[in-house]
Amino acid sequence: MEIIDRGLGWLGRVLLTTGLIIGVVIPPMLLKLINQLYRHHQLIAWQITLAVVYLLLFMILALAATAIMRHYTGEYQSKQLQRHDWQVIGTAYLIILILEGGLQLINQLLYHQNQTQNNVAIKNLMAGSPLSLWLMALSAVFLTPIVEELIFRGVLTNLFFQQEWLKIGLSGLVFGSLHSSSTVPSFLIYVTMGLALAVVYRLTGKIRAAIALHFVINALAITIMLLN
């Protein structure tokens, strides 16, 4: 039984997507609460409860986004990645590294920022308590790539527009807007990252390709944070 009418109007699709996006911004708020409760050792049960809710939220978002994506694309079987797909992923990753390096250099020269505001926020969340540290590390590497790609690529590029460049542009702009940025170069870092992830998905036609690329990006970033 179809859960969503393919003829759903523009407003309905906007509200549907907005609901998923709101779900994406809730987990960091839960981590902040866990960090605040960490100062009160008698509230350990509440910390554990919030941790469970944190993980369940990712699961719910993933299931909802998967159902919507499959309904609108008509593809119910996940496609395996082939050699060509890995070549596209590798090329996109190199492009992201080059563009990010250039934009970060500009950010440092013009605004004297060695890292983006988004990375600072992640570090602060990880420094609050051991529980939030491991939850953030786990979700950033394994859960966030799945959920964000299903929403920003799987859902967003299939529910709006017909032209590929508009699909990709919308995905990149929304993705970039949801990452904390205090300067134009840092904002562009996440926009270009979102554009690259969208291009990978649209070129390969496989959400797994975008998830794999996002996994690599986040795994490297979290590893560097933990080592520092």
C-alpha atoms as a PDB file:
ATOM      1  CA  MET A   1       0.000   0.000   0.000  1.00  0.00           C
ATOM      2  CA  GLU A   2       1.370   3.379  -1.002  1.00  0.00           C
ATOM      3  CA  ILE A   3       1.922   5.666   1.966  1.00  0.00           C
ATOM      4  CA  ILE A   4       2.300   8.863  -0.085  1.00  0.00           C
ATOM      5  CA  ASP A   5       0.420   9.949  -3.165  1.00  0.00           C
ATOM      6  CA  ARG A   6       2.837  10.694  -6.013  1.00  0.00           C
ATOM      7  CA  GLY A   7       0.518  13.521  -6.935  1.00  0.00           C
ATOM      8  CA  LEU A   8       1.154  15.254  -3.612  1.00  0.00           C
ATOM      9  CA  GLY A   9       1.199  19.004  -4.152  1.00  0.00           C
ATOM     10  CA  TRP A  10       4.184  21.292  -3.869  1.00  0.00           C
ATOM     11  CA  LEU A  11       3.170  22.533  -0.425  1.00  0.00           C
ATOM     12  CA  GLY A  12       2.669  19.009   0.807  1.00  0.00           C
ATOM     13  CA  ARG A  13       6.121  18.009  -0.381  1.00  0.00           C
ATOM     14  CA  VAL A  14       7.657  21.088   1.252  1.00  0.00           C
ATOM     15  CA  LEU A  15       5.981  20.251   4.572  1.00  0.00           C
ATOM     16  CA  LEU A  16       7.049  16.623   4.296  1.00  0.00           C
ATOM     17  CA  THR A  17      10.660  17.557   3.626  1.00  0.00           C
ATOM     18  CA  THR A  18      10.631  20.233   6.313  1.00  0.00           C
ATOM     19  CA  GLY A  19       9.521  17.658   8.853  1.00  0.00           C
ATOM     20  CA  LEU A  20      12.482  15.433   7.984  1.00  0.00           C
ATOM     21  CA  ILE A  21      14.897  18.363   8.126  1.00  0.00           C
ATOM     22  CA  ILE A  22      13.592  19.384  11.546  1.00  0.00           C
ATOM     23  CA  GLY A  23      14.268  15.824  12.646  1.00  0.00           C
ATOM     24  CA  VAL A  24      17.894  16.208  11.543  1.00  0.00           C
ATOM     25  CA  VAL A  25      18.521  19.226  13.783  1.00  0.00           C
ATOM     26  CA  ILE A  26      17.086  17.593  16.919  1.00  0.00           C
ATOM     27  CA  PRO A  27      19.959  15.138  17.721  1.00  0.00           C
ATOM     28  CA  PRO A  28      22.520  17.909  18.480  1.00  0.00           C
ATOM     29  CA  MET A  29      19.977  19.422  20.880  1.00  0.00           C
ATOM     30  CA  LEU A  30      19.696  16.081  22.660  1.00  0.00           C
ATOM     31  CA  LEU A  31      23.477  15.936  23.003  1.00  0.00           C
ATOM     32  CA  LYS A  32      23.455  19.393  24.578  1.00  0.00           C
ATOM     33  CA  LEU A  33      20.907  18.163  27.116  1.00  0.00           C
ATOM     34  CA  ILE A  34      23.036  15.112  27.870  1.00  0.00           C
ATOM     35  CA  ASN A  35      26.030  17.377  28.463  1.00  0.00           C
ATOM     36  CA  GLN A  36      24.006  19.548  30.831  1.00  0.00           C
ATOM     37  CA  LEU A  37      22.740  16.524  32.760  1.00  0.00           C
ATOM     38  CA  TYR A  38      26.285  15.153  33.023  1.00  0.00           C
ATOM     39  CA  ARG A  39      26.997  17.750  35.702  1.00  0.00           C
ATOM     40  CA  HIS A  40      24.338  16.111  37.864  1.00  0.00           C
ATOM     41  CA  HIS A  41      25.389  12.516  38.514  1.00  0.00           C
ATOM     42  CA  GLN A  42      22.050  11.659  40.080  1.00  0.00           C
ATOM     43  CA  LEU A  43      20.426  12.160  36.660  1.00  0.00           C
ATOM     44  CA  ILE A  44      22.295   9.332  34.929  1.00  0.00           C
ATOM     45  CA  ALA A  45      18.993   7.585  34.100  1.00  0.00           C
ATOM     46  CA  TRP A  46      17.875  10.666  32.145  1.00  0.00           C
ATOM     47  CA  GLN A  47      21.164  10.709  30.247  1.00  0.00           C
ATOM     48  CA  ILE A  48      20.686   7.086  29.206  1.00  0.00           C
ATOM     49  CA  THR A  49      17.074   7.774  28.219  1.00  0.00           C
ATOM     50  CA  LEU A  50      18.131  10.699  26.029  1.00  0.00           C
ATOM     51  CA  ALA A  51      20.860   8.550  24.455  1.00  0.00           C
ATOM     52  CA  VAL A  52      18.271   5.911  23.529  1.00  0.00           C
ATOM     53  CA  VAL A  53      15.956   8.590  22.093  1.00  0.00           C
ATOM     54  CA  TYR A  54      18.936   9.998  20.185  1.00  0.00           C
ATOM     55  CA  LEU A  55      19.613   6.657  18.478  1.00  0.00           C
ATOM     56  CA  LEU A  56      15.931   5.908  17.898  1.00  0.00           C
ATOM     57  CA  LEU A  57      15.472   9.260  16.181  1.00  0.00           C
ATOM     58  CA  PHE A  58      18.117   8.376  13.619  1.00  0.00           C
ATOM     59  CA  MET A  59      16.380   5.063  12.986  1.00  0.00           C
ATOM     60  CA  ILE A  60      12.979   6.698  12.551  1.00  0.00           C
ATOM     61  CA  LEU A  61      14.349   9.330  10.177  1.00  0.00           C
ATOM     62  CA  ALA A  62      16.157   6.697   8.113  1.00  0.00           C
ATOM     63  CA  LEU A  63      13.046   4.522   7.812  1.00  0.00           C
ATOM     64  CA  ALA A  64      10.798   7.465   6.926  1.00  0.00           C
ATOM     65  CA  ALA A  65      13.204   8.899   4.352  1.00  0.00           C
ATOM     66  CA  THR A  66      13.760   5.459   2.800  1.00  0.00           C
ATOM     67  CA  ALA A  67      10.017   4.888   2.451  1.00  0.00           C
ATOM     68  CA  ILE A  68       9.497   8.289   0.822  1.00  0.00           C
ATOM     69  CA  MET A  69      12.473   7.923  -1.517  1.00  0.00           C
ATOM     70  CA  ARG A  70      11.421   4.443  -2.622  1.00  0.00           C
ATOM     71  CA  HIS A  71       7.851   5.555  -3.131  1.00  0.00           C
ATOM     72  CA  TYR A  72       8.803   8.466  -5.358  1.00  0.00           C
ATOM     73  CA  THR A  73      11.547   6.682  -7.304  1.00  0.00           C
ATOM     74  CA  GLY A  74       9.782   3.327  -7.559  1.00  0.00           C
ATOM     75  CA  GLU A  75      13.083   1.609  -6.666  1.00  0.00           C
ATOM     76  CA  TYR A  76      12.676  -0.792  -3.782  1.00  0.00           C
ATOM     77  CA  GLN A  77      15.919  -2.722  -4.189  1.00  0.00           C
ATOM     78  CA  SER A  78      19.182  -1.098  -3.138  1.00  0.00           C
ATOM     79  CA  LYS A  79      21.789  -1.303  -5.912  1.00  0.00           C
ATOM     80  CA  GLN A  80      25.271  -2.646  -5.251  1.00  0.00           C
ATOM     81  CA  LEU A  81      28.224  -0.369  -5.918  1.00  0.00           C
ATOM     82  CA  GLN A  82      30.316  -1.222  -8.973  1.00  0.00           C
ATOM     83  CA  ARG A  83      33.848  -0.256  -9.969  1.00  0.00           C
ATOM     84  CA  HIS A  84      32.652   2.780 -11.903  1.00  0.00           C
ATOM     85  CA  ASP A  85      30.713   3.982  -8.855  1.00  0.00           C
ATOM     86  CA  TRP A  86      33.844   3.840  -6.709  1.00  0.00           C
ATOM     87  CA  GLN A  87      35.698   5.823  -9.350  1.00  0.00           C
ATOM     88  CA  VAL A  88      33.015   8.516  -9.202  1.00  0.00           C
ATOM     89  CA  ILE A  89      33.209   8.497  -5.382  1.00  0.00           C
ATOM     90  CA  GLY A  90      37.000   8.779  -5.423  1.00  0.00           C
ATOM     91  CA  THR A  91      36.985  11.609  -7.951  1.00  0.00           C
ATOM     92  CA  ALA A  92      34.333  13.514  -6.006  1.00  0.00           C
ATOM     93  CA  TYR A  93      36.293  13.086  -2.780  1.00  0.00           C
ATOM     94  CA  LEU A  94      39.434  14.530  -4.341  1.00  0.00           C
ATOM     95  CA  ILE A  95      37.459  17.484  -5.680  1.00  0.00           C
ATOM     96  CA  ILE A  96      35.943  18.073  -2.235  1.00  0.00           C
ATOM     97  CA  LEU A  97      39.380  18.002  -0.601  1.00  0.00           C
ATOM     98  CA  ILE A  98      40.776  20.501  -3.112  1.00  0.00           C
ATOM     99  CA  LEU A  99      37.834  22.902  -2.880  1.00  0.00           C
ATOM    100  CA  GLU A 100      37.624  22.607   0.894  1.00  0.00           C
ATOM    101  CA  GLY A 101      41.348  23.264   1.217  1.00  0.00           C
ATOM    102  CA  GLY A 102      41.098  26.368  -0.963  1.00  0.00           C
ATOM    103  CA  LEU A 103      38.030  27.726   0.825  1.00  0.00           C
ATOM    104  CA  GLN A 104      39.535  27.019   4.233  1.00  0.00           C
ATOM    105  CA  LEU A 105      42.691  28.904   3.219  1.00  0.00           C
ATOM    106  CA  ILE A 106      40.572  31.878   2.166  1.00  0.00           C
ATOM    107  CA  ASN A 107      38.648  31.620   5.426  1.00  0.00           C
ATOM    108  CA  GLN A 108      41.881  31.689   7.397  1.00  0.00           C
ATOM    109  CA  LEU A 109      43.378  34.599   5.467  1.00  0.00           C
ATOM    110  CA  LEU A 110      40.270  36.784   5.483  1.00  0.00           C
ATOM    111  CA  TYR A 111      38.600  35.834   8.745  1.00  0.00           C
ATOM    112  CA  HIS A 112      41.440  34.237  10.735  1.00  0.00           C
ATOM    113  CA  GLN A 113      39.438  31.054  11.322  1.00  0.00           C
ATOM    114  CA  ASN A 114      41.361  27.791  11.384  1.00  0.00           C
ATOM    115  CA  GLN A 115      38.189  25.721  11.348  1.00  0.00           C
ATOM    116  CA  THR A 116      34.528  26.150  10.564  1.00  0.00           C
ATOM    117  CA  GLN A 117      31.957  27.068  13.166  1.00  0.00           C
ATOM    118  CA  ASN A 118      30.290  23.717  12.498  1.00  0.00           C
ATOM    119  CA  ASN A 119      33.436  21.815  13.502  1.00  0.00           C
ATOM    120  CA  VAL A 120      33.776  23.959  16.618  1.00  0.00           C
ATOM    121  CA  ALA A 121      30.187  23.096  17.574  1.00  0.00           C
ATOM    122  CA  ILE A 122      30.883  19.381  17.081  1.00  0.00           C
ATOM    123  CA  LYS A 123      34.010  19.574  19.228  1.00  0.00           C
ATOM    124  CA  ASN A 124      32.074  21.323  21.987  1.00  0.00           C
ATOM    125  CA  LEU A 125      29.422  18.612  21.956  1.00  0.00           C
ATOM    126  CA  MET A 126      32.061  15.883  22.101  1.00  0.00           C
ATOM    127  CA  ALA A 127      33.883  17.602  24.971  1.00  0.00           C
ATOM    128  CA  GLY A 128      30.811  17.803  27.201  1.00  0.00           C
ATOM    129  CA  SER A 129      30.710  14.226  28.495  1.00  0.00           C
ATOM    130  CA  PRO A 130      32.053  10.746  27.585  1.00  0.00           C
ATOM    131  CA  LEU A 131      28.544   9.665  26.563  1.00  0.00           C
ATOM    132  CA  SER A 132      28.042  12.575  24.174  1.00  0.00           C
ATOM    133  CA  LEU A 133      31.533  12.041  22.772  1.00  0.00           C
ATOM    134  CA  TRP A 134      30.844   8.440  21.785  1.00  0.00           C
ATOM    135  CA  LEU A 135      27.324   9.183  20.607  1.00  0.00           C
ATOM    136  CA  MET A 136      28.602  11.981  18.376  1.00  0.00           C
ATOM    137  CA  ALA A 137      31.487   9.892  17.040  1.00  0.00           C
ATOM    138  CA  LEU A 138      29.194   6.934  16.338  1.00  0.00           C
ATOM    139  CA  SER A 139      26.456   8.972  14.714  1.00  0.00           C
ATOM    140  CA  ALA A 140      28.777  11.245  12.706  1.00  0.00           C
ATOM    141  CA  VAL A 141      30.553   8.319  11.088  1.00  0.00           C
ATOM    142  CA  PHE A 142      27.807   5.730  10.716  1.00  0.00           C
ATOM    143  CA  LEU A 143      24.357   7.235  11.260  1.00  0.00           C
ATOM    144  CA  THR A 144      24.542  10.787   9.938  1.00  0.00           C
ATOM    145  CA  PRO A 145      25.821   9.780   6.462  1.00  0.00           C
ATOM    146  CA  ILE A 146      22.883   7.404   6.062  1.00  0.00           C
ATOM    147  CA  VAL A 147      20.177   9.746   7.346  1.00  0.00           C
ATOM    148  CA  GLU A 148      21.441  12.927   5.680  1.00  0.00           C
ATOM    149  CA  GLU A 149      21.947  11.263   2.305  1.00  0.00           C
ATOM    150  CA  LEU A 150      18.509   9.678   2.385  1.00  0.00           C
ATOM    151  CA  ILE A 151      16.972  13.079   3.164  1.00  0.00           C
ATOM    152  CA  PHE A 152      19.111  15.599   1.268  1.00  0.00           C
ATOM    153  CA  ARG A 153      19.777  13.432  -1.759  1.00  0.00           C
ATOM    154  CA  GLY A 154      17.256  10.568  -1.764  1.00  0.00           C
ATOM    155  CA  VAL A 155      14.230  12.680  -0.858  1.00  0.00           C
ATOM    156  CA  LEU A 156      15.137  16.255  -1.768  1.00  0.00           C
ATOM    157  CA  THR A 157      16.373  15.553  -5.306  1.00  0.00           C
ATOM    158  CA  ASN A 158      13.414  13.326  -6.143  1.00  0.00           C
ATOM    159  CA  LEU A 159      10.549  15.454  -4.819  1.00  0.00           C
ATOM    160  CA  PHE A 160      11.414  18.790  -6.430  1.00  0.00           C
ATOM    161  CA  PHE A 161      12.173  20.076  -9.933  1.00  0.00           C
ATOM    162  CA  GLN A 162      12.697  18.254 -13.201  1.00  0.00           C
ATOM    163  CA  GLN A 163      16.031  19.736 -14.255  1.00  0.00           C
ATOM    164  CA  GLU A 164      19.079  17.985 -12.835  1.00  0.00           C
ATOM    165  CA  TRP A 165      20.972  21.196 -12.096  1.00  0.00           C
ATOM    166  CA  LEU A 166      18.075  22.493 -10.013  1.00  0.00           C
ATOM    167  CA  LYS A 167      17.831  19.226  -8.093  1.00  0.00           C
ATOM    168  CA  ILE A 168      21.559  19.314  -7.344  1.00  0.00           C
ATOM    169  CA  GLY A 169      21.553  23.030  -6.553  1.00  0.00           C
ATOM    170  CA  LEU A 170      18.636  22.726  -4.114  1.00  0.00           C
ATOM    171  CA  SER A 171      20.286  19.791  -2.361  1.00  0.00           C
ATOM    172  CA  GLY A 172      23.586  21.637  -1.982  1.00  0.00           C
ATOM    173  CA  LEU A 173      22.046  24.876  -0.723  1.00  0.00           C
ATOM    174  CA  VAL A 174      19.793  23.234   1.863  1.00  0.00           C
ATOM    175  CA  PHE A 175      22.617  20.973   3.038  1.00  0.00           C
ATOM    176  CA  GLY A 176      25.000  23.920   3.372  1.00  0.00           C
ATOM    177  CA  SER A 177      22.418  26.052   5.165  1.00  0.00           C
ATOM    178  CA  LEU A 178      21.965  23.458   7.908  1.00  0.00           C
ATOM    179  CA  HIS A 179      25.655  23.454   8.836  1.00  0.00           C
ATOM    180  CA  SER A 180      26.782  26.228  11.178  1.00  0.00           C
ATOM    181  CA  SER A 181      28.771  28.877   9.312  1.00  0.00           C
ATOM    182  CA  SER A 182      29.873  32.355  10.345  1.00  0.00           C
ATOM    183  CA  THR A 183      31.645  33.316   7.107  1.00  0.00           C
ATOM    184  CA  VAL A 184      30.964  33.008   3.384  1.00  0.00           C
ATOM    185  CA  PRO A 185      33.920  30.630   2.722  1.00  0.00           C
ATOM    186  CA  SER A 186      32.843  28.254   5.517  1.00  0.00           C
ATOM    187  CA  PHE A 187      29.273  28.298   4.169  1.00  0.00           C
ATOM    188  CA  LEU A 188      30.579  27.485   0.690  1.00  0.00           C
ATOM    189  CA  ILE A 189      32.568  24.553   2.090  1.00  0.00           C
ATOM    190  CA  TYR A 190      29.345  22.787   3.034  1.00  0.00           C
ATOM    191  CA  VAL A 191      27.449  23.916  -0.048  1.00  0.00           C
ATOM    192  CA  THR A 192      30.128  22.477  -2.356  1.00  0.00           C
ATOM    193  CA  MET A 193      30.194  19.316  -0.274  1.00  0.00           C
ATOM    194  CA  GLY A 194      26.423  18.995  -0.660  1.00  0.00           C
ATOM    195  CA  LEU A 195      26.670  19.651  -4.397  1.00  0.00           C
ATOM    196  CA  ALA A 196      29.338  16.970  -4.793  1.00  0.00           C
ATOM    197  CA  LEU A 197      27.281  14.429  -2.838  1.00  0.00           C
ATOM    198  CA  ALA A 198      24.231  15.241  -4.976  1.00  0.00           C
ATOM    199  CA  VAL A 199      26.236  14.875  -8.199  1.00  0.00           C
ATOM    200  CA  VAL A 200      27.526  11.482  -7.053  1.00  0.00           C
ATOM    201  CA  TYR A 201      23.991  10.311  -6.321  1.00  0.00           C
ATOM    202  CA  ARG A 202      22.548  11.593  -9.588  1.00  0.00           C
ATOM    203  CA  LEU A 203      25.446  10.267 -11.695  1.00  0.00           C
ATOM    204  CA  THR A 204      25.425   6.782 -10.191  1.00  0.00           C
ATOM    205  CA  GLY A 205      21.727   6.591  -9.424  1.00  0.00           C
ATOM    206  CA  LYS A 206      22.668   4.861  -6.185  1.00  0.00           C
ATOM    207  CA  ILE A 207      22.098   6.352  -2.749  1.00  0.00           C
ATOM    208  CA  ARG A 208      24.772   3.980  -1.451  1.00  0.00           C
ATOM    209  CA  ALA A 209      27.375   5.902  -3.418  1.00  0.00           C
ATOM    210  CA  ALA A 210      26.511   9.186  -1.702  1.00  0.00           C
ATOM    211  CA  ILE A 211      26.401   7.446   1.683  1.00  0.00           C
ATOM    212  CA  ALA A 212      29.827   5.902   1.087  1.00  0.00           C
ATOM    213  CA  LEU A 213      31.329   9.276   0.160  1.00  0.00           C
ATOM    214  CA  HIS A 214      29.724  10.961   3.166  1.00  0.00           C
ATOM    215  CA  PHE A 215      31.060   8.184   5.395  1.00  0.00           C
ATOM    216  CA  VAL A 216      34.609   8.783   4.188  1.00  0.00           C
ATOM    217  CA  ILE A 217      34.307  12.554   4.669  1.00  0.00           C
ATOM    218  CA  ASN A 218      32.951  12.275   8.208  1.00  0.00           C
ATOM    219  CA  ALA A 219      35.251   9.425   9.253  1.00  0.00           C
ATOM    220  CA  LEU A 220      38.322  11.477   8.377  1.00  0.00           C
ATOM    221  CA  ALA A 221      36.970  14.614  10.081  1.00  0.00           C
ATOM    222  CA  ILE A 222      36.034  12.795  13.313  1.00  0.00           C
ATOM    223  CA  THR A 223      39.352  10.928  13.391  1.00  0.00           C
ATOM    224  CA  ILE A 224      41.252  14.229  13.154  1.00  0.00           C
ATOM    225  CA  MET A 225      39.094  15.719  15.942  1.00  0.00           C
ATOM    226  CA  LEU A 226      39.666  12.742  18.224  1.00  0.00           C
ATOM    227  CA  LEU A 227      43.434  12.763  17.610  1.00  0.00           C
ATOM    228  CA  ASN A 228      43.616  16.463  18.404  1.00  0.00           C
END
